[in-house]
Amino acid sequence: MTRAGARAPALSRVHTADLSSAQRNEIRAMLVAAFEQDFSDDDWDHALGGLHVICRIGDTVVGHAAVVQRQVHVGARVHRIGYVEAVAVSADAQRQGIGGLLMASVEEIVVAAYDFGALAASSAGLALYRGRGWQTWAGSLLVAGPDGSAMTPDDAGAVMVFGEAIESGSVDLRASLTADTRRGDPW
């Protein structure tokens, strides 16, 4: 969906290892601007090490999402999931369907390679994710640390999941969901 005369958005998928320093800098600058300067070094670190879905219009990065592997426990069972990070569209490219294009590509990656997908939704992203079939995790959210697991009640209602295991009901959304420890936001 582009305005008359505007160039069509083009998507690419690139592993972090294949991004040049200039590309990483361009993506990060777009993310910092899109998140209105509320995008930390930890947020950037969380987006590295997996596949980046990058949307360009012409030579300009206007959208980004990353899928990185994380290990989670649903109750006592361990799952390898595609965790979605750093989803953003630049302010001047919003409301053109780019968020949907990014998420469609992310969802293809999740379905092809992981038990299911998960993400922590901002209030601005909730409608997009819900509209695409992502479901809110209903159980308790925990983070495994060196001294055991700790609850993360501030994240209740923000963690969303997607995939065949979710749709089929083989993953109980009311069970506890425990993620690995990392710097910055746990989810």
Protein backbone atom coordinates (compact mmCIF):
# COMPACT_ATOMS: atom_id res chain seq x y z
CA MET A 1 0.00 0.00 0.00
CA THR A 2 1.84 3.04 -1.19
CA ARG A 3 0.79 6.54 -2.01
CA ALA A 4 0.55 7.51 -5.68
CA GLY A 5 4.02 8.14 -7.03
CA ALA A 6 5.76 6.63 -4.00
CA ARG A 7 8.19 3.77 -4.37
CA ALA A 8 7.04 0.37 -3.23
CA PRO A 9 8.55 -0.98 -0.01
CA ALA A 10 11.11 -3.76 -0.48
CA LEU A 11 11.83 -6.40 2.17
CA SER A 12 15.03 -8.30 2.76
CA ARG A 13 16.09 -10.88 5.33
CA VAL A 14 19.65 -10.67 6.53
CA HIS A 15 21.42 -12.46 9.37
CA THR A 16 23.23 -10.21 11.83
CA ALA A 17 26.56 -11.72 10.72
CA ASP A 18 25.91 -10.51 7.16
CA LEU A 19 25.10 -6.90 8.04
CA SER A 20 27.85 -4.39 7.42
CA SER A 21 28.72 -1.89 10.10
CA ALA A 22 27.03 0.83 8.02
CA GLN A 23 23.84 -1.24 7.72
CA ARG A 24 23.79 -1.92 11.48
CA ASN A 25 24.25 1.79 12.16
CA GLU A 26 21.46 2.75 9.73
CA ILE A 27 19.03 0.25 11.25
CA ARG A 28 19.86 1.29 14.78
CA ALA A 29 19.44 5.00 13.96
CA MET A 30 16.00 4.29 12.48
CA LEU A 31 15.04 2.29 15.61
CA VAL A 32 16.19 5.02 17.99
CA ALA A 33 14.15 7.61 16.07
CA ALA A 34 11.09 5.35 15.77
CA PHE A 35 11.14 4.62 19.51
CA GLU A 36 11.59 8.35 20.22
CA GLN A 37 15.03 7.85 21.81
CA ASP A 38 13.68 5.07 24.11
CA PHE A 39 15.81 2.35 22.53
CA SER A 40 18.73 1.32 24.74
CA ASP A 41 22.01 -0.51 24.13
CA ASP A 42 20.36 -3.58 25.72
CA ASP A 43 17.39 -3.28 23.35
CA TRP A 44 19.80 -3.26 20.42
CA ASP A 45 21.78 -6.19 21.83
CA HIS A 46 18.54 -8.21 22.13
CA ALA A 47 17.91 -7.75 18.39
CA LEU A 48 21.29 -9.14 17.35
CA GLY A 49 22.27 -12.72 16.53
CA GLY A 50 19.34 -13.76 14.38
CA LEU A 51 17.49 -12.76 11.22
CA HIS A 52 16.65 -9.15 10.50
CA VAL A 53 13.67 -8.31 8.33
CA ILE A 54 14.46 -4.93 6.82
CA CYS A 55 12.08 -2.75 4.84
CA ARG A 56 13.47 -0.11 2.53
CA ILE A 57 11.81 2.46 0.37
CA GLY A 58 14.42 3.40 -2.15
CA ASP A 59 17.72 3.45 -0.28
CA THR A 60 16.20 4.32 3.10
CA VAL A 61 15.46 1.87 5.91
CA VAL A 62 11.88 2.54 6.99
CA GLY A 63 11.08 -0.64 8.93
CA HIS A 64 12.75 -3.41 10.89
CA ALA A 65 12.02 -6.54 12.91
CA ALA A 66 14.39 -9.21 14.19
CA VAL A 67 13.84 -12.86 15.09
CA VAL A 68 16.33 -14.29 17.56
CA GLN A 69 16.40 -17.70 19.18
CA ARG A 70 15.53 -17.97 22.85
CA GLN A 71 14.90 -20.92 25.09
CA VAL A 72 11.80 -20.85 27.29
CA HIS A 73 10.07 -23.26 29.61
CA VAL A 74 6.31 -23.69 29.43
CA GLY A 75 5.68 -25.34 32.75
CA ALA A 76 8.35 -28.05 32.81
CA ARG A 77 8.80 -28.37 29.03
CA VAL A 78 11.62 -26.58 27.18
CA HIS A 79 10.87 -24.88 23.86
CA ARG A 80 13.14 -23.25 21.27
CA ILE A 81 11.28 -20.14 20.18
CA GLY A 82 11.69 -17.32 17.69
CA TYR A 83 11.64 -14.21 19.82
CA VAL A 84 10.70 -11.04 17.95
CA GLU A 85 12.66 -7.89 18.78
CA ALA A 86 13.00 -4.29 17.61
CA VAL A 87 9.84 -4.04 15.50
CA ALA A 88 9.46 -0.49 14.26
CA VAL A 89 8.44 1.62 11.29
CA SER A 90 9.80 5.14 10.82
CA ALA A 91 7.31 7.90 11.55
CA ASP A 92 7.10 9.05 7.92
CA ALA A 93 6.35 5.52 6.66
CA GLN A 94 3.67 4.52 9.15
CA ARG A 95 0.11 3.62 8.15
CA GLN A 96 1.27 2.22 4.79
CA GLY A 97 1.09 -1.48 5.65
CA ILE A 98 4.79 -1.83 6.39
CA GLY A 99 4.23 -3.21 9.90
CA GLY A 100 2.06 -5.95 8.40
CA LEU A 101 4.70 -6.75 5.76
CA LEU A 102 7.39 -7.03 8.43
CA MET A 103 5.25 -9.26 10.63
CA ALA A 104 4.21 -11.53 7.74
CA SER A 105 7.89 -12.19 7.07
CA VAL A 106 8.60 -12.68 10.78
CA GLU A 107 5.73 -15.15 11.04
CA GLU A 108 7.07 -17.17 8.09
CA ILE A 109 10.42 -17.45 9.87
CA VAL A 110 8.77 -18.47 13.15
CA VAL A 111 6.57 -21.14 11.56
CA ALA A 112 9.45 -22.58 9.52
CA ALA A 113 12.09 -22.70 12.25
CA TYR A 114 10.70 -22.59 15.80
CA ASP A 115 8.26 -24.26 18.18
CA PHE A 116 6.42 -20.93 18.37
CA GLY A 117 7.06 -17.19 18.35
CA ALA A 118 6.90 -14.71 21.20
CA LEU A 119 7.32 -10.98 21.68
CA ALA A 120 6.73 -8.26 24.23
CA ALA A 121 4.26 -5.82 22.72
CA SER A 122 4.30 -2.11 23.34
CA SER A 123 0.92 -0.45 23.65
CA ALA A 124 1.46 0.96 20.14
CA GLY A 125 1.96 -2.53 18.67
CA LEU A 126 -0.87 -4.43 20.37
CA ALA A 127 -3.48 -3.84 17.66
CA LEU A 128 -1.09 -4.93 14.89
CA TYR A 129 -0.16 -8.17 16.66
CA ARG A 130 -3.70 -9.03 17.75
CA GLY A 131 -4.97 -8.38 14.23
CA ARG A 132 -2.44 -10.90 12.93
CA GLY A 133 -3.49 -13.64 15.35
CA TRP A 134 -0.90 -13.21 18.09
CA GLN A 135 -2.34 -14.18 21.48
CA THR A 136 -1.59 -12.77 24.92
CA TRP A 137 0.14 -15.15 27.33
CA ALA A 138 -2.32 -15.70 30.21
CA GLY A 139 -0.08 -17.57 32.66
CA SER A 140 2.61 -16.21 34.95
CA LEU A 141 5.80 -14.82 33.43
CA LEU A 142 9.13 -15.72 35.00
CA VAL A 143 12.82 -15.26 34.32
CA ALA A 144 15.31 -17.97 35.27
CA GLY A 145 18.21 -16.53 37.19
CA PRO A 146 21.18 -17.90 39.10
CA ASP A 147 19.12 -17.97 42.31
CA GLY A 148 16.04 -19.57 40.74
CA SER A 149 13.10 -18.08 38.89
CA ALA A 150 11.62 -14.65 39.55
CA MET A 151 8.20 -13.40 38.46
CA THR A 152 7.96 -10.43 36.13
CA PRO A 153 4.44 -9.10 36.91
CA ASP A 154 5.09 -5.80 35.11
CA ASP A 155 5.10 -7.72 31.82
CA ALA A 156 1.66 -9.31 32.32
CA GLY A 157 -0.51 -8.69 29.27
CA ALA A 158 2.42 -7.63 27.08
CA VAL A 159 3.91 -11.01 26.14
CA MET A 160 2.25 -12.41 23.04
CA VAL A 161 2.74 -15.72 21.23
CA PHE A 162 2.12 -17.08 17.73
CA GLY A 163 2.38 -20.31 15.79
CA GLU A 164 0.82 -23.67 15.12
CA ALA A 165 1.55 -24.95 18.64
CA ILE A 166 -0.40 -21.98 19.98
CA GLU A 167 -3.30 -22.33 17.52
CA SER A 168 -3.59 -26.09 18.11
CA GLY A 169 -3.63 -25.69 21.88
CA SER A 170 -0.59 -27.95 22.38
CA VAL A 171 0.99 -25.10 24.38
CA ASP A 172 -1.05 -24.12 27.44
CA LEU A 173 -1.24 -20.32 27.54
CA ARG A 174 -2.21 -20.49 31.23
CA ALA A 175 0.98 -22.30 32.26
CA SER A 176 4.00 -20.45 33.59
CA LEU A 177 6.35 -19.14 30.91
CA THR A 178 9.98 -18.89 31.99
CA ALA A 179 12.63 -17.17 29.86
CA ASP A 180 16.39 -17.13 30.08
CA THR A 181 18.08 -14.26 31.91
CA ARG A 182 19.47 -11.37 29.90
CA ARG A 183 20.55 -7.78 30.48
CA GLY A 184 17.84 -5.14 30.28
CA ASP A 185 14.16 -5.98 29.94
CA PRO A 186 13.53 -9.69 30.55
CA TRP A 187 10.86 -9.82 27.85
